[in-house]
Amino acid sequence: MDDDEIEDYDREVELALYREYRDVVSQFRYVVETERRFYLANDVTVERKDTEHDFYFELTMSDVWVWDVYRSDRFVKSVRVITYKDFNLEVRGDKDLELPKELALDE
């Protein structure tokens, strides 16, 4: 296989992944992005964990779709992520949904 064939294959796989995302995104409430992965989930909890000199976040998600071109099955029952870095948690465009209570901003 030459370089052009490999690049074409990579583009096709990425395009197929995007099309799958487009087809399933409406089935999920939350969009979660970490430094390593992108997730769609229907339930998300976030806990801040304090250590002696630092802190980290533990994200627990259920009913999840994982953006990962190398996975054969992107639908996962549950995912647990521990991160010391920033993450994004978004509520999809539905106005009836709210951020999990531990992330809601007090007004």
Protein backbone atom coordinates (compact mmCIF):
# COMPACT_ATOMS: atom_id res chain seq x y z
CA MET A 1 0.00 0.00 0.00
CA ASP A 2 1.42 3.39 -0.91
CA ASP A 3 1.05 6.62 1.07
CA ASP A 4 -1.86 7.91 -1.02
CA GLU A 5 -3.85 4.73 -0.43
CA ILE A 6 -3.23 4.95 3.31
CA GLU A 7 -4.32 8.61 3.37
CA ASP A 8 -7.45 7.76 1.36
CA TYR A 9 -8.28 4.94 3.76
CA ASP A 10 -7.78 7.22 6.78
CA ARG A 11 -10.07 9.86 5.25
CA GLU A 12 -12.76 7.27 4.50
CA VAL A 13 -12.63 5.91 8.05
CA GLU A 14 -12.86 9.41 9.55
CA LEU A 15 -15.76 10.28 7.25
CA ALA A 16 -17.59 7.08 8.24
CA LEU A 17 -17.05 7.94 11.92
CA TYR A 18 -18.41 11.45 11.40
CA ARG A 19 -21.47 10.05 9.62
CA GLU A 20 -22.07 7.63 12.50
CA TYR A 21 -21.78 10.53 14.96
CA ARG A 22 -24.27 12.56 12.93
CA ASP A 23 -26.70 9.63 12.95
CA VAL A 24 -26.54 8.98 16.71
CA VAL A 25 -26.01 12.40 18.32
CA SER A 26 -29.73 13.07 18.70
CA GLN A 27 -30.04 10.02 20.98
CA PHE A 28 -27.83 11.54 23.69
CA ARG A 29 -28.24 14.29 26.29
CA TYR A 30 -24.64 15.28 26.94
CA VAL A 31 -21.46 15.92 24.99
CA VAL A 32 -18.26 15.30 26.97
CA GLU A 33 -14.79 16.14 25.73
CA THR A 34 -11.64 15.23 27.62
CA GLU A 35 -8.00 15.58 26.62
CA ARG A 36 -8.08 12.07 25.17
CA ARG A 37 -11.60 11.36 23.93
CA PHE A 38 -14.97 12.70 22.87
CA TYR A 39 -18.14 11.12 24.26
CA LEU A 40 -21.89 11.30 23.90
CA ALA A 41 -23.76 10.17 27.01
CA ASN A 42 -27.22 10.11 28.54
CA ASP A 43 -26.07 10.31 32.16
CA VAL A 44 -22.99 12.05 33.54
CA THR A 45 -21.77 12.55 37.09
CA VAL A 46 -18.70 14.54 37.99
CA GLU A 47 -16.84 14.37 41.28
CA ARG A 48 -13.95 16.57 42.29
CA LYS A 49 -11.38 14.54 44.23
CA ASP A 50 -8.91 16.41 46.41
CA THR A 51 -5.44 15.11 47.13
CA GLU A 52 -2.78 16.51 49.41
CA HIS A 53 -1.33 18.86 46.78
CA ASP A 54 -3.77 18.82 43.91
CA PHE A 55 -7.18 17.71 42.75
CA TYR A 56 -8.66 15.74 39.87
CA PHE A 57 -12.06 14.98 38.41
CA GLU A 58 -13.76 11.63 38.12
CA LEU A 59 -16.39 11.54 35.38
CA THR A 60 -18.78 8.62 35.29
CA MET A 61 -20.95 8.24 32.21
CA SER A 62 -23.58 5.72 31.25
CA ASP A 63 -25.24 4.89 27.94
CA VAL A 64 -22.24 6.18 26.03
CA TRP A 65 -21.02 6.52 22.46
CA VAL A 66 -17.24 7.00 22.11
CA TRP A 67 -15.61 8.88 19.24
CA ASP A 68 -12.76 6.50 18.50
CA VAL A 69 -11.94 5.35 15.01
CA TYR A 70 -10.14 2.26 16.31
CA ARG A 71 -13.07 0.82 18.31
CA SER A 72 -15.15 -1.87 16.72
CA ASP A 73 -18.08 -1.08 19.02
CA ARG A 74 -18.44 2.55 20.00
CA PHE A 75 -21.58 2.03 22.10
CA VAL A 76 -20.57 1.40 25.72
CA LYS A 77 -22.70 0.76 28.80
CA SER A 78 -20.52 2.86 31.12
CA VAL A 79 -17.29 4.82 31.10
CA ARG A 80 -15.20 6.19 33.97
CA VAL A 81 -12.63 8.89 33.25
CA ILE A 82 -10.14 10.31 35.71
CA THR A 83 -8.54 13.54 34.59
CA TYR A 84 -6.25 16.19 36.03
CA LYS A 85 -6.88 18.36 32.99
CA ASP A 86 -9.74 20.44 31.74
CA PHE A 87 -12.79 18.81 30.26
CA ASN A 88 -15.92 20.13 28.56
CA LEU A 89 -19.39 19.00 29.48
CA GLU A 90 -22.22 20.35 27.38
CA VAL A 91 -25.93 19.81 27.48
CA ARG A 92 -27.20 19.23 23.97
CA GLY A 93 -29.53 21.85 22.51
CA ASP A 94 -32.64 20.63 24.32
CA LYS A 95 -33.81 23.39 26.67
CA ASP A 96 -35.43 20.96 29.13
CA LEU A 97 -32.08 19.42 30.06
CA GLU A 98 -29.78 20.78 32.74
CA LEU A 99 -26.19 20.25 33.75
CA PRO A 100 -25.70 17.67 36.49
CA LYS A 101 -26.41 19.34 39.85
CA GLU A 102 -22.77 19.21 40.95
CA LEU A 103 -21.84 21.41 37.97
CA ALA A 104 -24.78 23.80 38.00
CA LEU A 105 -23.85 27.38 38.68
CA ASP A 106 -25.63 28.99 41.60
CA GLU A 107 -27.28 32.23 40.59
